[in-house]
N, C-alpha and C. Protein backbone atom coordinates (compact mmCIF):
# COMPACT_ATOMS: atom_id res chain seq x y z
N MET A 1 13.45 13.73 -28.94
CA MET A 1 14.32 14.42 -29.01
C MET A 1 14.70 15.11 -28.06
N THR A 2 13.72 16.32 -28.32
CA THR A 2 13.98 17.61 -27.85
C THR A 2 13.16 17.44 -26.61
N VAL A 3 12.30 16.68 -26.50
CA VAL A 3 11.72 16.63 -24.77
C VAL A 3 12.64 16.58 -23.85
N LEU A 4 13.58 15.60 -24.32
CA LEU A 4 14.18 15.40 -23.54
C LEU A 4 15.51 16.35 -22.46
N TYR A 5 15.49 17.75 -23.67
CA TYR A 5 16.53 18.57 -23.18
C TYR A 5 15.59 19.97 -22.73
N ILE A 6 14.00 19.50 -22.56
CA ILE A 6 13.20 20.69 -22.31
C ILE A 6 12.50 20.20 -21.01
N SER A 7 12.31 19.07 -20.77
CA SER A 7 12.05 18.42 -19.96
C SER A 7 12.34 18.41 -18.50
N LYS A 8 11.87 19.06 -17.67
CA LYS A 8 12.40 19.26 -16.23
C LYS A 8 12.89 17.85 -15.47
N GLY A 9 11.34 17.12 -16.15
CA GLY A 9 11.73 15.80 -15.32
C GLY A 9 12.84 14.99 -15.73
N VAL A 10 13.45 15.15 -17.19
CA VAL A 10 14.53 14.21 -17.56
C VAL A 10 15.77 14.76 -17.27
N LEU A 11 15.91 16.35 -17.68
CA LEU A 11 17.16 16.47 -16.93
C LEU A 11 16.95 18.00 -16.39
N LYS A 12 17.16 17.95 -15.14
CA LYS A 12 17.04 19.24 -14.05
C LYS A 12 18.06 20.53 -14.77
N GLU A 13 16.79 21.47 -14.49
CA GLU A 13 17.85 22.75 -15.06
C GLU A 13 19.25 23.02 -14.61
N ASP A 14 19.59 22.64 -13.36
CA ASP A 14 21.01 22.85 -13.01
C ASP A 14 21.82 21.82 -13.13
N TYR A 15 21.48 20.62 -14.12
CA TYR A 15 22.13 19.56 -14.28
C TYR A 15 23.35 19.54 -15.39
N LEU A 16 24.52 19.58 -14.50
CA LEU A 16 25.53 20.48 -15.47
C LEU A 16 25.88 19.63 -17.25
N PRO A 17 25.63 18.15 -17.24
CA PRO A 17 25.89 18.13 -18.35
C PRO A 17 24.73 18.47 -19.28
N ARG A 18 23.71 19.10 -19.44
CA ARG A 18 22.60 19.77 -19.39
C ARG A 18 22.74 21.04 -20.05
N GLN A 19 23.41 21.81 -18.93
CA GLN A 19 23.76 22.93 -19.02
C GLN A 19 24.95 23.23 -20.21
N PHE A 20 26.07 22.35 -19.68
CA PHE A 20 27.04 22.54 -21.36
C PHE A 20 26.60 21.53 -22.24
N LEU A 21 25.52 21.40 -22.55
CA LEU A 21 25.30 20.79 -24.30
C LEU A 21 24.09 21.76 -24.51
N SER A 22 23.31 22.24 -24.04
CA SER A 22 22.60 23.71 -23.99
C SER A 22 23.38 25.06 -24.81
N LEU A 23 24.03 25.10 -23.67
CA LEU A 23 25.17 26.07 -23.73
C LEU A 23 25.83 26.08 -25.31
N MET A 24 26.29 24.62 -25.62
CA MET A 24 27.22 24.38 -26.75
C MET A 24 26.49 24.94 -27.61
N VAL A 25 25.09 24.69 -27.70
CA VAL A 25 24.56 24.33 -29.12
C VAL A 25 23.73 25.95 -29.39
N LEU A 26 24.01 26.60 -28.10
CA LEU A 26 23.43 27.65 -28.20
C LEU A 26 24.33 28.85 -28.53
N THR A 27 25.29 28.46 -28.37
CA THR A 27 26.94 29.19 -28.40
C THR A 27 27.11 28.79 -29.95
N THR A 28 27.18 27.80 -30.25
CA THR A 28 27.85 27.26 -31.61
C THR A 28 26.80 27.95 -32.71
N ILE A 29 25.64 27.53 -32.85
CA ILE A 29 24.37 27.80 -33.71
C ILE A 29 24.66 29.94 -33.64
N GLY A 30 24.28 30.53 -32.76
CA GLY A 30 24.53 31.68 -32.05
C GLY A 30 25.72 32.26 -32.74
N GLY A 31 26.71 31.56 -32.86
CA GLY A 31 28.17 32.48 -33.24
C GLY A 31 28.28 32.07 -34.60
N TYR A 32 27.52 31.25 -35.49
CA TYR A 32 27.31 31.09 -36.91
C TYR A 32 26.57 32.06 -37.27
N LEU A 33 25.11 32.21 -36.32
CA LEU A 33 24.41 33.58 -36.99
C LEU A 33 25.02 34.74 -36.85
N LEU A 34 25.64 35.02 -35.69
CA LEU A 34 26.25 36.34 -35.55
C LEU A 34 27.29 36.66 -36.47
N TYR A 35 27.97 35.60 -36.48
CA TYR A 35 28.96 35.53 -37.49
C TYR A 35 28.51 36.23 -39.13
N PHE A 36 27.76 34.97 -39.92
CA PHE A 36 27.30 35.31 -40.80
C PHE A 36 26.76 36.52 -41.15
N SER A 37 25.87 37.04 -40.62
CA SER A 37 24.64 38.29 -40.28
C SER A 37 25.53 39.41 -40.43
N THR A 38 26.47 39.42 -39.42
CA THR A 38 26.58 41.05 -39.48
C THR A 38 27.88 40.84 -39.99
N ALA A 39 29.05 39.86 -40.26
CA ALA A 39 30.12 40.02 -41.28
C ALA A 39 29.05 40.18 -42.70
N SER A 40 28.30 39.25 -42.98
CA SER A 40 27.36 39.57 -44.28
C SER A 40 26.99 41.19 -44.77
N ILE A 41 26.19 41.71 -43.77
CA ILE A 41 25.65 43.44 -44.00
C ILE A 41 26.72 44.12 -43.66
N SER A 42 28.10 43.70 -42.96
CA SER A 42 29.11 45.09 -43.27
C SER A 42 29.39 44.61 -44.68
N TYR A 43 29.82 43.55 -44.66
CA TYR A 43 30.52 43.54 -46.39
C TYR A 43 29.52 44.18 -47.50
N PHE A 44 28.42 43.42 -47.81
CA PHE A 44 27.69 44.50 -48.45
C PHE A 44 27.31 45.79 -48.68
N PHE A 45 27.23 45.99 -47.50
CA PHE A 45 26.33 47.80 -47.09
C PHE A 45 27.96 48.33 -46.63
N VAL A 46 28.83 48.14 -45.93
CA VAL A 46 30.03 49.10 -45.44
C VAL A 46 31.13 49.14 -46.07
N PHE A 47 31.65 47.77 -46.17
CA PHE A 47 32.84 47.35 -47.11
C PHE A 47 33.12 47.97 -48.14
N ASP A 48 34.51 48.83 -48.37
CA ASP A 48 34.89 49.57 -49.72
C ASP A 48 35.42 48.38 -50.33
N HIS A 49 34.66 47.94 -51.21
CA HIS A 49 34.88 46.53 -52.45
C HIS A 49 35.83 47.28 -53.25
N ARG A 50 36.32 48.23 -53.92
CA ARG A 50 37.14 49.13 -54.29
C ARG A 50 38.62 48.06 -53.79
N LEU A 51 38.70 47.65 -52.55
CA LEU A 51 39.86 47.24 -51.97
C LEU A 51 40.12 45.74 -52.18
N ARG A 52 38.92 44.97 -53.09
CA ARG A 52 39.32 43.81 -53.82
C ARG A 52 40.33 43.93 -54.60
N LYS A 53 40.75 45.15 -55.30
CA LYS A 53 41.91 45.07 -56.26
C LYS A 53 42.99 45.82 -55.62
N HIS A 54 43.13 45.76 -54.51
CA HIS A 54 44.18 45.76 -53.74
C HIS A 54 45.61 44.48 -54.34
N PRO A 55 46.82 44.97 -54.15
CA PRO A 55 47.43 43.86 -54.62
C PRO A 55 47.67 42.70 -53.90
N LYS A 56 47.93 43.35 -52.55
CA LYS A 56 47.59 42.41 -51.55
C LYS A 56 46.16 41.17 -51.10
N PHE A 57 45.43 41.78 -51.64
CA PHE A 57 43.72 40.78 -51.64
C PHE A 57 44.21 40.03 -52.04
N LEU A 58 43.89 38.64 -51.72
CA LEU A 58 44.22 37.37 -52.29
C LEU A 58 42.98 36.80 -52.82
N LYS A 59 43.33 35.96 -53.90
CA LYS A 59 42.39 35.38 -54.93
C LYS A 59 41.12 34.41 -53.83
N ASN A 60 40.06 34.37 -54.34
CA ASN A 60 38.94 33.96 -53.52
C ASN A 60 38.92 34.45 -51.83
N GLN A 61 39.60 35.54 -51.89
CA GLN A 61 40.09 35.47 -50.34
C GLN A 61 38.65 35.49 -49.28
N GLU A 62 37.67 35.97 -49.56
CA GLU A 62 36.55 36.16 -48.65
C GLU A 62 35.83 34.78 -48.50
N TRP A 63 36.21 33.83 -49.50
CA TRP A 63 35.67 32.08 -49.09
C TRP A 63 36.59 31.48 -48.22
N LYS A 64 37.84 31.61 -48.68
CA LYS A 64 39.23 31.46 -47.11
C LYS A 64 38.73 32.21 -46.10
N GLU A 65 38.45 32.93 -46.11
CA GLU A 65 38.32 34.03 -44.57
C GLU A 65 36.71 32.64 -43.61
N ILE A 66 36.00 32.61 -44.79
CA ILE A 66 34.86 32.28 -44.03
C ILE A 66 34.99 30.73 -43.75
N GLU A 67 35.87 29.85 -44.32
CA GLU A 67 36.19 28.68 -44.53
C GLU A 67 37.01 28.36 -43.21
N VAL A 68 37.73 29.43 -42.75
CA VAL A 68 38.58 29.36 -41.38
C VAL A 68 37.86 29.78 -40.73
N ALA A 69 36.85 30.21 -40.81
CA ALA A 69 35.84 30.93 -39.15
C ALA A 69 35.05 29.50 -39.10
N ALA A 70 34.27 29.31 -40.31
CA ALA A 70 33.80 28.60 -40.22
C ALA A 70 33.78 26.95 -39.42
N LYS A 71 35.23 26.83 -39.31
CA LYS A 71 35.90 25.47 -39.02
C LYS A 71 36.37 26.03 -37.56
N GLY A 72 36.33 27.22 -36.97
CA GLY A 72 36.89 27.74 -35.28
C GLY A 72 35.61 28.40 -34.94
N VAL A 73 34.53 28.69 -35.09
CA VAL A 73 33.50 28.86 -34.23
C VAL A 73 32.92 27.47 -33.82
N PRO A 74 32.94 26.31 -33.88
CA PRO A 74 32.83 25.62 -33.03
C PRO A 74 33.77 25.36 -31.41
N LEU A 75 34.89 25.07 -31.60
CA LEU A 75 36.12 25.16 -30.96
C LEU A 75 35.99 26.52 -30.18
N MET A 76 35.77 27.67 -30.83
CA MET A 76 35.99 28.75 -29.75
C MET A 76 34.91 28.98 -29.09
N GLY A 77 33.10 27.91 -29.16
CA GLY A 77 32.19 28.12 -28.46
C GLY A 77 32.42 27.07 -27.85
N PHE A 78 32.62 26.35 -27.79
CA PHE A 78 33.22 25.12 -27.19
C PHE A 78 34.13 26.00 -25.48
N LEU A 79 35.24 26.03 -26.02
CA LEU A 79 36.11 27.06 -25.11
C LEU A 79 35.62 27.99 -24.39
N SER A 80 34.45 28.81 -24.84
CA SER A 80 33.68 30.19 -24.20
C SER A 80 32.27 29.45 -23.25
N VAL A 81 32.21 28.09 -23.36
CA VAL A 81 31.24 27.33 -22.92
C VAL A 81 31.55 27.04 -21.28
N LEU A 82 33.21 26.84 -21.27
CA LEU A 82 33.54 26.57 -20.07
C LEU A 82 33.38 28.03 -19.31
N CYS A 83 33.71 29.08 -19.79
CA CYS A 83 33.56 29.98 -19.18
C CYS A 83 31.62 30.60 -18.57
N PHE A 84 31.11 30.38 -20.16
CA PHE A 84 29.43 30.32 -19.52
C PHE A 84 29.18 29.86 -18.27
N LEU A 85 29.52 28.18 -18.42
CA LEU A 85 29.34 27.74 -17.50
C LEU A 85 29.43 28.00 -16.16
N LEU A 86 30.75 28.46 -15.51
CA LEU A 86 30.68 29.22 -14.69
C LEU A 86 30.41 30.65 -13.92
N GLU A 87 29.96 31.41 -15.11
CA GLU A 87 28.71 32.26 -15.00
C GLU A 87 27.54 32.07 -14.82
N ILE A 88 26.86 31.24 -15.32
CA ILE A 88 25.62 30.65 -15.04
C ILE A 88 25.43 29.95 -13.72
N ARG A 89 27.06 29.12 -13.46
CA ARG A 89 26.08 28.06 -11.88
C ARG A 89 27.21 29.26 -10.56
N GLY A 90 27.24 30.54 -11.12
CA GLY A 90 27.18 31.53 -9.85
C GLY A 90 28.75 31.98 -9.20
N TYR A 91 30.05 31.39 -10.55
CA TYR A 91 31.17 32.14 -10.45
C TYR A 91 31.03 32.91 -11.00
N SER A 92 30.17 34.47 -10.99
CA SER A 92 30.62 35.55 -11.41
C SER A 92 30.40 36.82 -10.72
N ARG A 93 30.18 37.85 -11.42
CA ARG A 93 29.64 39.15 -10.46
C ARG A 93 28.26 40.08 -11.76
N LEU A 94 28.16 38.90 -12.30
CA LEU A 94 27.08 38.96 -12.98
C LEU A 94 26.17 39.86 -12.51
N LEU A 95 24.85 41.00 -12.64
CA LEU A 95 23.96 41.44 -12.02
C LEU A 95 22.65 41.32 -12.68
N ASN A 96 21.63 40.81 -12.04
CA ASN A 96 20.08 40.61 -12.73
C ASN A 96 19.59 41.96 -13.22
N SER A 97 19.76 43.30 -11.88
CA SER A 97 19.02 44.32 -12.52
C SER A 97 19.67 45.50 -11.61
N VAL A 98 19.69 46.64 -12.11
CA VAL A 98 20.11 47.38 -11.72
C VAL A 98 20.44 48.08 -10.05
N GLU A 99 19.24 47.51 -9.73
CA GLU A 99 18.82 47.59 -7.91
C GLU A 99 19.84 46.48 -7.42
N GLU A 100 20.28 45.79 -7.88
CA GLU A 100 21.63 44.77 -7.28
C GLU A 100 22.92 45.73 -6.97
N SER A 101 23.21 46.45 -7.84
CA SER A 101 24.38 47.60 -7.85
C SER A 101 24.47 48.52 -6.81
N SER A 102 25.59 48.76 -5.70
CA SER A 102 25.30 49.58 -4.62
C SER A 102 25.35 50.86 -5.49
N LEU A 103 25.88 51.16 -6.72
CA LEU A 103 25.64 52.55 -7.49
C LEU A 103 24.60 52.66 -8.23
N GLY A 104 23.59 51.80 -8.22
CA GLY A 104 22.21 52.11 -8.98
C GLY A 104 22.54 52.21 -10.59
N TRP A 105 21.76 53.33 -11.04
CA TRP A 105 21.76 53.86 -12.10
C TRP A 105 23.16 54.08 -12.87
N TYR A 106 23.83 54.74 -11.71
CA TYR A 106 25.11 54.92 -12.26
C TYR A 106 26.19 54.36 -12.43
N SER A 107 25.89 52.97 -11.72
CA SER A 107 26.46 52.13 -12.65
C SER A 107 26.60 51.00 -13.69
N ILE A 108 25.50 52.30 -14.43
CA ILE A 108 25.76 51.92 -15.98
C ILE A 108 26.53 52.76 -16.99
N PRO A 109 26.92 53.50 -16.75
CA PRO A 109 28.22 54.62 -17.39
C PRO A 109 29.24 54.05 -16.92
N ILE A 110 29.43 53.69 -15.53
CA ILE A 110 30.76 53.37 -14.78
C ILE A 110 31.25 52.35 -15.28
N SER A 111 30.07 51.40 -15.57
CA SER A 111 30.35 49.43 -16.45
C SER A 111 30.82 49.60 -17.75
N THR A 112 30.19 50.77 -18.53
CA THR A 112 30.66 51.10 -19.38
C THR A 112 32.06 51.23 -19.86
N ALA A 113 32.24 52.41 -18.83
CA ALA A 113 33.50 53.12 -19.36
C ALA A 113 34.56 51.84 -18.66
N THR A 114 34.31 51.40 -17.62
CA THR A 114 35.28 50.32 -17.33
C THR A 114 35.51 48.75 -18.30
N PHE A 115 34.33 48.71 -18.87
CA PHE A 115 34.38 47.48 -19.50
C PHE A 115 35.23 48.04 -20.55
N ILE A 116 34.49 48.97 -21.65
CA ILE A 116 36.03 49.42 -22.75
C ILE A 116 37.40 49.60 -22.59
N LEU A 117 37.72 50.11 -20.94
CA LEU A 117 38.95 50.35 -21.07
C LEU A 117 39.59 49.14 -20.51
N PHE A 118 39.01 48.34 -19.81
CA PHE A 118 39.70 47.28 -19.30
C PHE A 118 39.82 46.17 -20.50
N THR A 119 38.61 45.71 -21.28
CA THR A 119 39.08 45.06 -22.49
C THR A 119 39.98 45.09 -23.22
N ASP A 120 40.17 46.47 -23.56
CA ASP A 120 40.32 47.12 -24.84
C ASP A 120 42.44 46.72 -23.76
N CYS A 121 42.70 47.28 -23.19
CA CYS A 121 44.08 47.11 -22.16
C CYS A 121 43.85 45.38 -22.33
N LEU A 122 43.49 44.59 -21.99
CA LEU A 122 43.88 43.68 -22.04
C LEU A 122 44.29 42.57 -23.56
N ILE A 123 42.95 43.09 -24.32
CA ILE A 123 43.20 42.70 -25.45
C ILE A 123 44.42 43.00 -26.04
N TYR A 124 44.69 44.41 -25.71
CA TYR A 124 46.09 44.72 -26.37
C TYR A 124 47.34 44.28 -26.21
N TRP A 125 47.26 43.74 -24.88
CA TRP A 125 48.52 43.09 -24.66
C TRP A 125 48.44 41.54 -24.86
N ILE A 126 47.42 41.05 -24.89
CA ILE A 126 47.27 39.90 -25.37
C ILE A 126 47.47 39.66 -26.78
N HIS A 127 46.77 40.32 -27.71
CA HIS A 127 46.94 40.39 -28.72
C HIS A 127 48.68 40.52 -29.38
N ARG A 128 49.21 41.26 -28.18
CA ARG A 128 50.55 41.73 -28.72
C ARG A 128 51.50 40.32 -28.03
N GLY A 129 51.14 39.71 -26.89
CA GLY A 129 51.91 38.87 -27.11
C GLY A 129 51.66 37.56 -27.85
N LEU A 130 50.71 37.53 -28.69
CA LEU A 130 50.54 36.54 -29.90
C LEU A 130 51.41 36.71 -30.53
N HIS A 131 52.07 38.32 -31.09
CA HIS A 131 53.02 38.32 -31.61
C HIS A 131 54.09 38.10 -31.52
N HIS A 132 54.29 37.18 -30.40
CA HIS A 132 55.54 36.63 -29.90
C HIS A 132 56.46 35.90 -31.09
N PRO A 133 57.32 35.58 -30.88
CA PRO A 133 57.98 34.62 -31.88
C PRO A 133 57.70 33.19 -31.43
N SER A 134 57.55 32.86 -30.55
CA SER A 134 57.46 31.59 -29.89
C SER A 134 55.66 31.02 -30.03
N ILE A 135 55.14 31.95 -30.44
CA ILE A 135 53.49 31.20 -31.21
C ILE A 135 53.11 32.07 -32.02
N TYR A 136 53.47 32.88 -32.40
CA TYR A 136 52.91 33.36 -33.57
C TYR A 136 52.35 32.85 -34.76
N LYS A 137 53.67 32.01 -35.51
CA LYS A 137 53.17 30.83 -36.38
C LYS A 137 52.27 30.13 -36.12
N ASP A 138 52.06 29.45 -34.96
CA ASP A 138 51.31 28.54 -34.36
C ASP A 138 50.27 28.84 -34.25
N LEU A 139 49.82 30.46 -33.64
CA LEU A 139 48.37 30.40 -33.19
C LEU A 139 48.03 32.03 -33.83
N HIS A 140 48.92 32.81 -34.28
CA HIS A 140 48.45 34.04 -34.73
C HIS A 140 48.55 34.24 -35.85
N LYS A 141 49.45 33.78 -36.61
CA LYS A 141 49.64 34.07 -37.91
C LYS A 141 48.39 33.81 -39.09
N THR A 142 48.00 33.08 -39.03
CA THR A 142 46.44 32.45 -39.78
C THR A 142 45.85 33.69 -39.92
N HIS A 143 45.57 35.09 -38.83
CA HIS A 143 44.72 35.86 -38.87
C HIS A 143 45.24 36.97 -39.84
N HIS A 144 46.68 36.70 -39.78
CA HIS A 144 47.23 38.29 -40.78
C HIS A 144 47.48 37.35 -42.12
N LEU A 145 47.40 36.36 -43.02
CA LEU A 145 47.25 36.10 -44.02
C LEU A 145 46.04 36.94 -44.81
N TRP A 146 45.12 37.60 -43.55
CA TRP A 146 44.47 38.48 -44.44
C TRP A 146 45.01 40.43 -44.43
N LYS A 147 45.49 40.42 -45.49
CA LYS A 147 46.64 41.85 -45.21
C LYS A 147 45.48 42.84 -45.46
N VAL A 148 44.18 42.88 -46.10
CA VAL A 148 43.42 43.49 -46.75
C VAL A 148 42.15 43.02 -46.11
N PRO A 149 41.62 42.88 -44.54
CA PRO A 149 40.88 42.06 -44.24
C PRO A 149 39.43 42.61 -44.63
N THR A 150 38.33 41.46 -44.99
CA THR A 150 36.68 41.96 -45.15
C THR A 150 36.38 41.50 -43.62
N PRO A 151 34.87 42.04 -43.49
CA PRO A 151 34.41 41.54 -42.22
C PRO A 151 34.67 39.99 -42.42
N PHE A 152 34.64 39.10 -43.14
CA PHE A 152 34.36 37.66 -42.75
C PHE A 152 35.55 37.43 -42.17
N ALA A 153 36.65 38.46 -42.16
CA ALA A 153 38.22 38.21 -41.44
C ALA A 153 38.14 38.23 -39.61
N SER A 154 36.87 38.71 -39.24
CA SER A 154 36.36 38.90 -37.87
C SER A 154 36.44 37.83 -37.15
N HIS A 155 36.42 36.66 -37.70
CA HIS A 155 36.25 35.53 -36.74
C HIS A 155 37.56 34.54 -37.70
N ALA A 156 38.24 34.94 -38.38
CA ALA A 156 39.00 34.18 -39.34
C ALA A 156 40.55 33.79 -38.60
N PHE A 157 40.55 33.06 -37.65
CA PHE A 157 41.59 32.89 -36.96
C PHE A 157 41.59 31.68 -36.23
N HIS A 158 43.10 31.36 -35.84
CA HIS A 158 42.53 29.57 -35.17
C HIS A 158 42.09 29.76 -33.65
N PRO A 159 41.25 29.15 -33.45
CA PRO A 159 40.20 28.79 -32.29
C PRO A 159 41.00 29.32 -30.83
N ILE A 160 41.81 28.99 -30.79
CA ILE A 160 42.67 29.42 -29.08
C ILE A 160 42.82 31.17 -29.24
N ASP A 161 43.58 31.40 -30.32
CA ASP A 161 43.85 32.62 -30.74
C ASP A 161 42.37 33.64 -30.59
N GLY A 162 41.45 33.06 -31.14
CA GLY A 162 40.18 33.57 -31.07
C GLY A 162 39.39 33.87 -29.38
N PHE A 163 39.58 32.60 -28.73
CA PHE A 163 39.03 32.72 -27.42
C PHE A 163 39.93 33.18 -26.86
N VAL A 164 41.54 32.99 -26.68
CA VAL A 164 42.00 34.07 -25.62
C VAL A 164 41.68 35.22 -25.75
N GLN A 165 41.66 35.85 -27.12
CA GLN A 165 41.34 37.64 -27.40
C GLN A 165 39.97 37.78 -27.00
N SER A 166 39.33 36.99 -26.65
CA SER A 166 37.39 37.22 -26.47
C SER A 166 37.41 37.16 -24.33
N PHE A 167 38.59 36.45 -24.14
CA PHE A 167 38.44 36.14 -22.49
C PHE A 167 38.42 37.08 -21.62
N PRO A 168 38.81 38.48 -22.24
CA PRO A 168 38.52 39.57 -20.74
C PRO A 168 36.91 39.97 -20.90
N TYR A 169 36.30 39.52 -22.02
CA TYR A 169 34.84 39.65 -22.20
C TYR A 169 34.46 38.81 -21.08
N HIS A 170 34.79 37.41 -20.28
CA HIS A 170 33.87 37.50 -19.38
C HIS A 170 34.54 38.02 -18.18
N PHE A 171 35.06 39.05 -18.00
CA PHE A 171 35.62 39.47 -16.53
C PHE A 171 34.51 40.54 -16.12
N VAL A 172 33.74 41.11 -17.36
CA VAL A 172 32.87 41.91 -16.83
C VAL A 172 31.64 41.89 -17.24
N ASP A 173 30.52 42.68 -16.52
CA ASP A 173 29.07 42.49 -16.95
C ASP A 173 28.37 42.55 -17.84
N SER A 174 29.09 43.04 -18.56
CA SER A 174 28.76 43.77 -19.83
C SER A 174 28.85 42.98 -21.53
N ARG A 175 28.42 43.32 -22.43
CA ARG A 175 28.57 42.53 -23.94
C ARG A 175 28.40 43.02 -24.90
N TRP A 176 29.11 44.42 -24.58
CA TRP A 176 29.34 45.22 -25.49
C TRP A 176 30.82 45.02 -26.40
N GLY A 177 31.11 45.53 -27.43
CA GLY A 177 32.32 45.53 -28.09
C GLY A 177 32.44 44.90 -29.26
N LEU A 178 31.98 45.62 -30.24
CA LEU A 178 32.55 44.40 -31.84
C LEU A 178 33.43 45.47 -32.72
N PRO A 179 34.57 44.77 -32.74
CA PRO A 179 35.42 45.95 -33.67
C PRO A 179 35.33 45.50 -34.75
N SER A 180 35.28 46.69 -35.83
CA SER A 180 35.43 46.09 -37.31
C SER A 180 36.57 45.69 -37.96
N SER A 181 35.98 45.43 -39.01
CA SER A 181 37.92 45.44 -40.10
C SER A 181 38.67 46.46 -40.14
N GLU A 182 37.63 47.65 -40.45
CA GLU A 182 38.32 48.77 -40.51
C GLU A 182 39.40 48.99 -39.37
N ASN A 183 39.21 48.63 -38.25
CA ASN A 183 39.73 48.74 -37.23
C ASN A 183 41.42 47.86 -37.27
N SER A 184 41.06 46.72 -37.46
CA SER A 184 42.34 46.15 -38.11
C SER A 184 43.15 45.97 -39.13
N GLN A 185 42.74 47.12 -40.25
CA GLN A 185 43.39 46.65 -41.16
C GLN A 185 44.58 47.12 -41.44
N GLU A 186 44.93 48.66 -40.98
CA GLU A 186 46.38 49.39 -40.15
C GLU A 186 47.24 48.19 -39.45
N GLN A 187 46.66 47.38 -38.66
CA GLN A 187 47.10 46.26 -38.03
C GLN A 187 47.82 45.16 -39.28
N HIS A 188 47.29 44.71 -39.42
CA HIS A 188 47.32 43.45 -40.43
C HIS A 188 48.33 44.32 -41.79
N GLN A 189 48.41 45.12 -42.06
CA GLN A 189 49.40 45.80 -42.96
C GLN A 189 50.66 45.93 -42.14
N ARG A 190 50.64 46.91 -40.75
CA ARG A 190 52.08 46.90 -40.45
C ARG A 190 51.56 45.92 -39.17
N ILE A 191 52.52 44.49 -39.02
CA ILE A 191 52.59 43.95 -38.03
C ILE A 191 52.79 44.50 -36.50
N ARG A 192 53.60 45.37 -36.58
CA ARG A 192 54.20 45.88 -35.36
C ARG A 192 53.75 47.08 -34.36
N SER A 193 52.30 47.26 -34.87
CA SER A 193 51.24 48.43 -34.33
C SER A 193 50.05 48.10 -34.25
N SER A 194 49.16 49.01 -33.57
CA SER A 194 47.79 48.42 -33.53
C SER A 194 47.49 47.40 -33.20
N TYR A 195 47.25 46.84 -31.83
CA TYR A 195 47.30 45.98 -31.23
C TYR A 195 45.74 45.51 -30.24
N GLY A 196 45.45 47.04 -30.18
CA GLY A 196 44.30 46.89 -29.53
C GLY A 196 42.64 46.68 -30.24
N SER A 197 41.67 46.50 -29.63
CA SER A 197 40.32 45.89 -30.57
C SER A 197 39.60 47.17 -30.84
N SER A 198 39.65 48.48 -30.46
CA SER A 198 38.82 49.06 -30.42
C SER A 198 39.84 50.37 -30.85
N SER A 199 39.41 51.54 -30.88
CA SER A 199 40.04 52.36 -31.25
C SER A 199 40.80 53.42 -29.52
N VAL A 200 41.03 53.04 -28.96
CA VAL A 200 41.33 53.46 -27.65
C VAL A 200 42.74 53.22 -27.62
N LEU A 201 43.16 52.33 -27.87
CA LEU A 201 44.70 51.53 -27.50
C LEU A 201 45.06 51.08 -28.61
N GLN A 202 45.33 52.22 -30.07
CA GLN A 202 45.62 51.74 -31.27
C GLN A 202 47.13 52.62 -31.61
N PHE A 203 48.20 52.39 -30.77
CA PHE A 203 49.20 52.57 -30.70
C PHE A 203 50.23 51.54 -30.80
């Protein structure tokens, strides 16, 4: 069966169903690997385990966070694959090398700064919009079940919520920016502030 997906003779590289299936498998497996590896490392080596004694820390919270995230990763992956398909089919401004940029090596610091400011600004407004009463309960409330989030809460939200907040990353040519659980703890305890994904827009 593996030969079917690798052989150029059976399914050509630019064949849309092949691209979709390949991206879906890579995104789902990659999503799980990224989630479990980074959340576990952060949980065991960075997370302050004294917070488990906090009065708002739920019983079996880590397992609940993992369950919500494990159910959501495939759908978030599916929605992301739609964007990835557009990117690999040429509907993006992704560059293959620094030489393709009119700014050359200057494009790296400029792109990095633009990426951080652009995505954080959009995520701020998207996150703020998800707190609107008409959609909060259905799309975003799940993520706020965790008043004292652990690193396993990083993907523990409604899949559409997760995709919508990740959407700004598809607008730029970089893949940086992984906010930590510490960034969102204050926001989870005080629902009306701190909507950004990094420390840049935390007001």
